[in-house]
C-alpha atoms as a PDB file:
ATOM      1  CA  MET A   1      67.875  35.143  48.511  1.00  0.00           C
ATOM      2  CA  ASN A   2      66.513  38.172  46.692  1.00  0.00           C
ATOM      3  CA  LYS A   3      67.706  36.845  43.672  1.00  0.00           C
ATOM      4  CA  MET A   4      65.748  33.478  44.490  1.00  0.00           C
ATOM      5  CA  ILE A   5      62.769  35.534  44.861  1.00  0.00           C
ATOM      6  CA  ARG A   6      62.653  37.313  41.579  1.00  0.00           C
ATOM      7  CA  ILE A   7      63.503  33.882  39.816  1.00  0.00           C
ATOM      8  CA  LEU A   8      60.304  32.366  41.480  1.00  0.00           C
ATOM      9  CA  ALA A   9      58.210  35.155  40.867  1.00  0.00           C
ATOM     10  CA  LEU A  10      59.132  34.765  37.198  1.00  0.00           C
ATOM     11  CA  LEU A  11      58.485  31.189  37.067  1.00  0.00           C
ATOM     12  CA  ALA A  12      55.092  31.911  38.601  1.00  0.00           C
ATOM     13  CA  ILE A  13      54.552  34.796  36.105  1.00  0.00           C
ATOM     14  CA  PHE A  14      55.677  32.214  33.367  1.00  0.00           C
ATOM     15  CA  SER A  15      53.342  29.355  34.236  1.00  0.00           C
ATOM     16  CA  VAL A  16      50.119  31.957  34.351  1.00  0.00           C
ATOM     17  CA  VAL A  17      51.051  33.073  31.148  1.00  0.00           C
ATOM     18  CA  THR A  18      51.381  29.518  29.392  1.00  0.00           C
ATOM     19  CA  ALA A  19      48.330  28.396  31.211  1.00  0.00           C
ATOM     20  CA  GLY A  20      46.703  30.835  29.441  1.00  0.00           C
ATOM     21  CA  PHE A  21      47.869  29.972  26.176  1.00  0.00           C
ATOM     22  CA  ALA A  22      47.011  26.087  26.538  1.00  0.00           C
ATOM     23  CA  GLN A  23      44.303  24.852  24.499  1.00  0.00           C
ATOM     24  CA  PRO A  24      42.012  22.147  25.461  1.00  0.00           C
ATOM     25  CA  ALA A  25      42.025  18.571  24.027  1.00  0.00           C
ATOM     26  CA  PRO A  26      39.659  18.962  20.877  1.00  0.00           C
ATOM     27  CA  LYS A  27      36.311  16.698  21.055  1.00  0.00           C
ATOM     28  CA  ILE A  28      35.324  15.339  17.748  1.00  0.00           C
ATOM     29  CA  LEU A  29      31.796  14.009  17.035  1.00  0.00           C
ATOM     30  CA  VAL A  30      30.892  12.144  13.801  1.00  0.00           C
ATOM     31  CA  ILE A  31      27.656  12.296  11.671  1.00  0.00           C
ATOM     32  CA  ASP A  32      26.233  10.786   8.776  1.00  0.00           C
ATOM     33  CA  MET A  33      24.774  13.624   6.897  1.00  0.00           C
ATOM     34  CA  GLU A  34      23.656  11.798   3.702  1.00  0.00           C
ATOM     35  CA  LYS A  35      21.540   9.447   6.213  1.00  0.00           C
ATOM     36  CA  VAL A  36      20.330  12.507   7.707  1.00  0.00           C
ATOM     37  CA  LEU A  37      19.312  14.490   4.369  1.00  0.00           C
ATOM     38  CA  SER A  38      17.567  11.238   3.014  1.00  0.00           C
ATOM     39  CA  LYS A  39      15.487  10.641   5.713  1.00  0.00           C
ATOM     40  CA  HIS A  40      14.291  14.336   6.775  1.00  0.00           C
ATOM     41  CA  TYR A  41      10.969  14.607   6.397  1.00  0.00           C
ATOM     42  CA  LYS A  42      11.211  17.300   3.869  1.00  0.00           C
ATOM     43  CA  ALA A  43      12.988  15.042   1.749  1.00  0.00           C
ATOM     44  CA  GLU A  44      10.417  12.460   1.714  1.00  0.00           C
ATOM     45  CA  LYS A  45       8.024  15.129   0.337  1.00  0.00           C
ATOM     46  CA  GLU A  46      10.303  16.416  -1.838  1.00  0.00           C
ATOM     47  CA  ASN A  47      11.252  13.324  -3.723  1.00  0.00           C
ATOM     48  CA  ALA A  48       7.736  11.891  -3.770  1.00  0.00           C
ATOM     49  CA  GLU A  49       6.706  14.954  -6.027  1.00  0.00           C
ATOM     50  CA  ILE A  50       9.958  15.014  -8.013  1.00  0.00           C
ATOM     51  CA  GLN A  51       9.325  11.441  -8.674  1.00  0.00           C
ATOM     52  CA  GLU A  52       5.757  12.257  -9.879  1.00  0.00           C
ATOM     53  CA  VAL A  53       7.253  14.953 -12.321  1.00  0.00           C
ATOM     54  CA  ALA A  54       9.534  12.548 -13.593  1.00  0.00           C
ATOM     55  CA  GLN A  55       6.919   9.963 -14.359  1.00  0.00           C
ATOM     56  CA  LYS A  56       4.937  12.324 -15.908  1.00  0.00           C
ATOM     57  CA  ALA A  57       7.839  13.240 -18.189  1.00  0.00           C
ATOM     58  CA  GLN A  58       8.480   9.623 -18.824  1.00  0.00           C
ATOM     59  CA  GLU A  59       4.741   9.329 -20.170  1.00  0.00           C
ATOM     60  CA  GLN A  60       5.272  12.231 -22.427  1.00  0.00           C
ATOM     61  CA  LEU A  61       8.374  10.811 -23.847  1.00  0.00           C
ATOM     62  CA  ASN A  62       6.977   7.545 -24.445  1.00  0.00           C
ATOM     63  CA  ASN A  63       4.064   9.164 -26.568  1.00  0.00           C
ATOM     64  CA  LEU A  64       6.941  10.577 -28.757  1.00  0.00           C
ATOM     65  CA  GLN A  65       8.464   7.198 -29.064  1.00  0.00           C
ATOM     66  CA  LYS A  66       5.216   5.832 -30.360  1.00  0.00           C
ATOM     67  CA  LYS A  67       4.923   8.391 -32.371  1.00  0.00           C
ATOM     68  CA  ILE A  68       8.546   8.340 -33.854  1.00  0.00           C
ATOM     69  CA  GLN A  69       7.098   4.591 -34.394  1.00  0.00           C
ATOM     70  CA  THR A  70       3.981   5.606 -36.305  1.00  0.00           C
ATOM     71  CA  THR A  71       5.839   7.543 -38.308  1.00  0.00           C
ATOM     72  CA  SER A  72       8.675   5.284 -39.289  1.00  0.00           C
ATOM     73  CA  ASP A  73       6.294   2.698 -40.414  1.00  0.00           C
ATOM     74  CA  GLN A  74       4.509   5.070 -43.148  1.00  0.00           C
ATOM     75  CA  TYR A  75       7.836   6.274 -43.945  1.00  0.00           C
ATOM     76  CA  LYS A  76       9.008   2.462 -44.697  1.00  0.00           C
ATOM     77  CA  GLU A  77       5.438   1.884 -46.756  1.00  0.00           C
ATOM     78  CA  LEU A  78       6.241   5.137 -48.727  1.00  0.00           C
ATOM     79  CA  ASP A  79       9.834   4.024 -49.475  1.00  0.00           C
ATOM     80  CA  GLU A  80       8.761   0.542 -50.558  1.00  0.00           C
ATOM     81  CA  GLN A  81       6.204   2.175 -53.127  1.00  0.00           C
ATOM     82  CA  SER A  82       8.857   4.623 -54.273  1.00  0.00           C
ATOM     83  CA  ARG A  83      11.193   1.400 -55.393  1.00  0.00           C
ATOM     84  CA  ASN A  84       7.926  -0.853 -56.862  1.00  0.00           C
ATOM     85  CA  ALA A  85       8.603  -0.969 -60.423  1.00  0.00           C
ATOM     86  CA  LEU A  86       4.998  -2.007 -60.981  1.00  0.00           C
ATOM     87  CA  LEU A  87       3.530   1.505 -60.055  1.00  0.00           C
ATOM     88  CA  LYS A  88       3.385   4.480 -62.462  1.00  0.00           C
ATOM     89  CA  GLN A  89       6.432   6.565 -62.164  1.00  0.00           C
ATOM     90  CA  GLU A  90       4.506   9.469 -61.346  1.00  0.00           C
ATOM     91  CA  VAL A  91       2.998   7.416 -57.977  1.00  0.00           C
ATOM     92  CA  ARG A  92       6.402   6.326 -57.190  1.00  0.00           C
ATOM     93  CA  ARG A  93       7.946  10.044 -57.335  1.00  0.00           C
ATOM     94  CA  LYS A  94       5.284  11.451 -55.244  1.00  0.00           C
ATOM     95  CA  ALA A  95       5.996   8.337 -53.006  1.00  0.00           C
ATOM     96  CA  GLU A  96       9.775   9.251 -52.717  1.00  0.00           C
ATOM     97  CA  ALA A  97       8.812  13.157 -52.020  1.00  0.00           C
ATOM     98  CA  ASP A  98       6.329  11.874 -49.539  1.00  0.00           C
ATOM     99  CA  SER A  99       8.986   9.554 -47.855  1.00  0.00           C
ATOM    100  CA  HIS A 100      11.305  12.455 -47.425  1.00  0.00           C
ATOM    101  CA  LYS A 101       8.851  14.552 -45.533  1.00  0.00           C
ATOM    102  CA  LYS A 102       8.327  11.321 -43.157  1.00  0.00           C
ATOM    103  CA  MET A 103      12.039  11.136 -42.459  1.00  0.00           C
ATOM    104  CA  GLN A 104      12.228  14.943 -41.720  1.00  0.00           C
ATOM    105  CA  GLU A 105       9.313  14.697 -39.638  1.00  0.00           C
ATOM    106  CA  ILE A 106      10.983  11.578 -37.646  1.00  0.00           C
ATOM    107  CA  GLN A 107      14.001  13.576 -37.038  1.00  0.00           C
ATOM    108  CA  SER A 108      12.188  16.955 -35.759  1.00  0.00           C
ATOM    109  CA  ILE A 109      10.038  14.625 -33.252  1.00  0.00           C
ATOM    110  CA  SER A 110      13.272  12.824 -31.795  1.00  0.00           C
ATOM    111  CA  ASP A 111      14.945  16.030 -31.718  1.00  0.00           C
ATOM    112  CA  ASP A 112      12.266  17.625 -29.654  1.00  0.00           C
ATOM    113  CA  ALA A 113      12.171  14.451 -27.761  1.00  0.00           C
ATOM    114  CA  GLN A 114      15.781  14.478 -27.163  1.00  0.00           C
ATOM    115  CA  SER A 115      15.738  18.303 -26.066  1.00  0.00           C
ATOM    116  CA  PHE A 116      12.545  17.364 -23.945  1.00  0.00           C
ATOM    117  CA  ARG A 117      14.617  14.743 -22.162  1.00  0.00           C
ATOM    118  CA  MET A 118      17.791  16.863 -21.481  1.00  0.00           C
ATOM    119  CA  SER A 119      15.649  19.869 -20.240  1.00  0.00           C
ATOM    120  CA  MET A 120      13.493  17.760 -17.754  1.00  0.00           C
ATOM    121  CA  GLN A 121      17.108  16.056 -16.542  1.00  0.00           C
ATOM    122  CA  GLN A 122      18.487  19.335 -15.926  1.00  0.00           C
ATOM    123  CA  SER A 123      15.272  20.737 -14.166  1.00  0.00           C
ATOM    124  CA  LEU A 124      15.174  17.828 -11.638  1.00  0.00           C
ATOM    125  CA  GLN A 125      19.062  17.909 -11.053  1.00  0.00           C
ATOM    126  CA  GLN A 126      18.813  21.412 -10.192  1.00  0.00           C
ATOM    127  CA  ARG A 127      15.416  20.990  -8.015  1.00  0.00           C
ATOM    128  CA  ILE A 128      17.316  18.334  -6.136  1.00  0.00           C
ATOM    129  CA  LYS A 129      20.515  20.594  -5.135  1.00  0.00           C
ATOM    130  CA  ASN A 130      18.445  23.403  -4.698  1.00  0.00           C
ATOM    131  CA  TYR A 131      16.263  21.760  -1.773  1.00  0.00           C
ATOM    132  CA  ARG A 132      19.252  19.437  -0.486  1.00  0.00           C
ATOM    133  CA  ASP A 133      21.269  23.203  -0.252  1.00  0.00           C
ATOM    134  CA  ILE A 134      18.153  24.280   1.795  1.00  0.00           C
ATOM    135  CA  LEU A 135      18.077  20.885   4.189  1.00  0.00           C
ATOM    136  CA  PHE A 136      21.775  21.169   4.860  1.00  0.00           C
ATOM    137  CA  LYS A 137      21.627  24.446   5.772  1.00  0.00           C
ATOM    138  CA  GLU A 138      18.393  23.790   8.215  1.00  0.00           C
ATOM    139  CA  THR A 139      20.476  20.555   9.513  1.00  0.00           C
ATOM    140  CA  ALA A 140      23.424  22.457   9.992  1.00  0.00           C
ATOM    141  CA  LYS A 141      22.045  24.789  12.478  1.00  0.00           C
ATOM    142  CA  ILE A 142      20.979  21.591  14.322  1.00  0.00           C
ATOM    143  CA  VAL A 143      23.858  19.810  14.458  1.00  0.00           C
ATOM    144  CA  LYS A 144      25.971  23.271  15.293  1.00  0.00           C
ATOM    145  CA  ASN A 145      23.642  23.064  18.523  1.00  0.00           C
ATOM    146  CA  ILE A 146      24.158  19.639  19.297  1.00  0.00           C
ATOM    147  CA  ALA A 147      28.070  19.986  19.028  1.00  0.00           C
ATOM    148  CA  VAL A 148      28.025  23.066  20.978  1.00  0.00           C
ATOM    149  CA  ALA A 149      25.677  21.429  23.891  1.00  0.00           C
ATOM    150  CA  ARG A 150      28.178  18.636  24.027  1.00  0.00           C
ATOM    151  CA  GLY A 151      31.271  20.575  24.059  1.00  0.00           C
ATOM    152  CA  ALA A 152      32.508  19.198  20.723  1.00  0.00           C
ATOM    153  CA  THR A 153      35.282  21.048  18.645  1.00  0.00           C
ATOM    154  CA  PHE A 154      34.796  19.440  15.239  1.00  0.00           C
ATOM    155  CA  VAL A 155      31.784  17.510  13.394  1.00  0.00           C
ATOM    156  CA  PHE A 156      32.955  15.323  10.761  1.00  0.00           C
ATOM    157  CA  ASP A 157      30.654  13.753   8.163  1.00  0.00           C
ATOM    158  CA  LYS A 158      31.226  10.135   7.476  1.00  0.00           C
ATOM    159  CA  SER A 159      28.950  10.099   4.452  1.00  0.00           C
ATOM    160  CA  GLY A 160      31.507  10.959   1.871  1.00  0.00           C
ATOM    161  CA  LEU A 161      34.583   9.165   0.187  1.00  0.00           C
ATOM    162  CA  SER A 162      38.035  10.607  -0.120  1.00  0.00           C
ATOM    163  CA  LEU A 163      39.622  11.376  -3.533  1.00  0.00           C
ATOM    164  CA  ILE A 164      40.798   7.563  -3.768  1.00  0.00           C
ATOM    165  CA  GLY A 165      37.488   6.639  -3.108  1.00  0.00           C
ATOM    166  CA  ILE A 166      37.755   5.050   0.391  1.00  0.00           C
ATOM    167  CA  PRO A 167      35.780   6.561   3.442  1.00  0.00           C
ATOM    168  CA  ASN A 168      36.934   9.621   5.169  1.00  0.00           C
ATOM    169  CA  ILE A 169      36.718   8.010   8.377  1.00  0.00           C
ATOM    170  CA  VAL A 170      37.933   4.563   8.847  1.00  0.00           C
ATOM    171  CA  TYR A 171      36.537   3.891  12.239  1.00  0.00           C
ATOM    172  CA  SER A 172      34.786   6.122  15.080  1.00  0.00           C
ATOM    173  CA  ASP A 173      33.676   5.265  18.512  1.00  0.00           C
ATOM    174  CA  PRO A 174      29.881   4.800  18.452  1.00  0.00           C
ATOM    175  CA  ALA A 175      29.585   7.050  21.482  1.00  0.00           C
ATOM    176  CA  TYR A 176      30.808  10.213  19.199  1.00  0.00           C
ATOM    177  CA  GLU A 177      27.649   9.405  16.642  1.00  0.00           C
ATOM    178  CA  ILE A 178      25.112  11.944  16.687  1.00  0.00           C
ATOM    179  CA  THR A 179      23.519  10.683  13.516  1.00  0.00           C
ATOM    180  CA  ASP A 180      19.948   9.591  15.253  1.00  0.00           C
ATOM    181  CA  ASP A 181      19.914  12.338  17.557  1.00  0.00           C
ATOM    182  CA  VAL A 182      20.041  15.223  14.666  1.00  0.00           C
ATOM    183  CA  LEU A 183      17.516  12.984  12.460  1.00  0.00           C
ATOM    184  CA  LYS A 184      15.191  12.973  15.946  1.00  0.00           C
ATOM    185  CA  GLU A 185      15.643  16.587  16.023  1.00  0.00           C
ATOM    186  CA  VAL A 186      15.061  17.455  12.520  1.00  0.00           C
ATOM    187  CA  ASN A 187      11.998  15.233  12.316  1.00  0.00           C
ATOM    188  CA  LYS A 188      10.113  17.192  14.945  1.00  0.00           C
ATOM    189  CA  GLY A 189       8.933  19.195  12.072  1.00  0.00           C
ATOM    190  CA  ARG A 190       6.952  16.265  10.696  1.00  0.00           C
ATOM    191  CA  SER A 191       3.280  17.388  10.565  1.00  0.00           C
ATOM    192  CA  THR A 192       1.077  14.591  12.578  1.00  0.00           C
ATOM    193  CA  ALA A 193      -1.690  15.180  10.208  1.00  0.00           C
ATOM    194  CA  VAL A 194       0.424  13.549   7.405  1.00  0.00           C
ATOM    195  CA  ALA A 195       0.859   9.731   7.913  1.00  0.00           C
ATOM    196  CA  PRO A 196       4.638   9.107   7.201  1.00  0.00           C
ATOM    197  CA  THR A 197       5.589   6.949   4.124  1.00  0.00           C
ATOM    198  CA  SER A 198       6.095   3.035   4.345  1.00  0.00           C
ATOM    199  CA  ALA A 199       9.475   3.706   2.914  1.00  0.00           C
ATOM    200  CA  THR A 200      11.984   6.269   2.257  1.00  0.00           C
ATOM    201  CA  ALA A 201      12.293   7.732  -0.804  1.00  0.00           C
ATOM    202  CA  PRO A 202      15.596   7.586  -2.636  1.00  0.00           C
ATOM    203  CA  SER A 203      17.426  10.589  -2.149  1.00  0.00           C
ATOM    204  CA  THR A 204      18.292  11.057  -5.631  1.00  0.00           C
ATOM    205  CA  PRO A 205      15.333  10.265  -7.839  1.00  0.00           C
ATOM    206  CA  SER A 206      16.031   8.427 -10.966  1.00  0.00           C
ATOM    207  CA  GLN A 207      15.901  10.613 -13.846  1.00  0.00           C
ATOM    208  CA  PRO A 208      13.598  10.299 -17.265  1.00  0.00           C
ATOM    209  CA  ASN A 209      15.715   8.092 -19.883  1.00  0.00           C
ATOM    210  CA  VAL A 210      14.754   8.372 -23.498  1.00  0.00           C
ATOM    211  CA  SER A 211      18.045   7.016 -25.214  1.00  0.00           C
ATOM    212  CA  ASN A 212      16.118   4.908 -27.381  1.00  0.00           C
ATOM    213  CA  VAL A 213      14.081   7.842 -28.806  1.00  0.00           C
ATOM    214  CA  THR A 214      15.927   8.182 -32.031  1.00  0.00           C
ATOM    215  CA  PRO A 215      15.133   7.623 -35.803  1.00  0.00           C
ATOM    216  CA  GLU A 216      15.121   4.063 -36.164  1.00  0.00           C
ATOM    217  CA  THR A 217      14.742   3.982 -39.881  1.00  0.00           C
ATOM    218  CA  LYS A 218      17.300   5.646 -42.636  1.00  0.00           C
ATOM    219  CA  ARG A 219      17.012   6.300 -46.195  1.00  0.00           C
ATOM    220  CA  ARG A 220      18.341   3.463 -47.688  1.00  0.00           C
END
């Protein structure tokens, strides 16, 4: 009898110990972070400013392109004079020397344009990365608060793609989606004095492209 009592006591102790190690079933929530970050009120303002900077940069590049075209026309005229047998040799030589200077000027302007384009693109890309990193940190705190309030164990981002180019999450119950809840929370900080934009600016502003700003005329 005493042996039976000891066995029952050991089983009871074992049950208490194992119960202490038991873990509750994980609760998983899902969010579309790309949607949240792109519709964040701070992102709308920042994107509008970046678009303005990019537009001004493109205008400068367009002016450089026009300058290249004008200089290229001058080069062609001088090159034709240097080859015109009806002109005096002295005149032809001067035209040839001047045409070389114009070609160097074209190359110089083109180099400046390409350097400006690359510098501006890098600057804008870095600016986009910086403010999105800040927004992510701010948003992550809100996501954590909502997850803790709902007793969640994990929050998965469904906006990204896997290494093979397919969605990381194939299916999720809409009941576990918190994207709209997070958006509502982050946009509480929107100033009532600023009217909302009619359309959300793109999450990645277009970069100025001057691939056509190159010397158009080569010495024949």
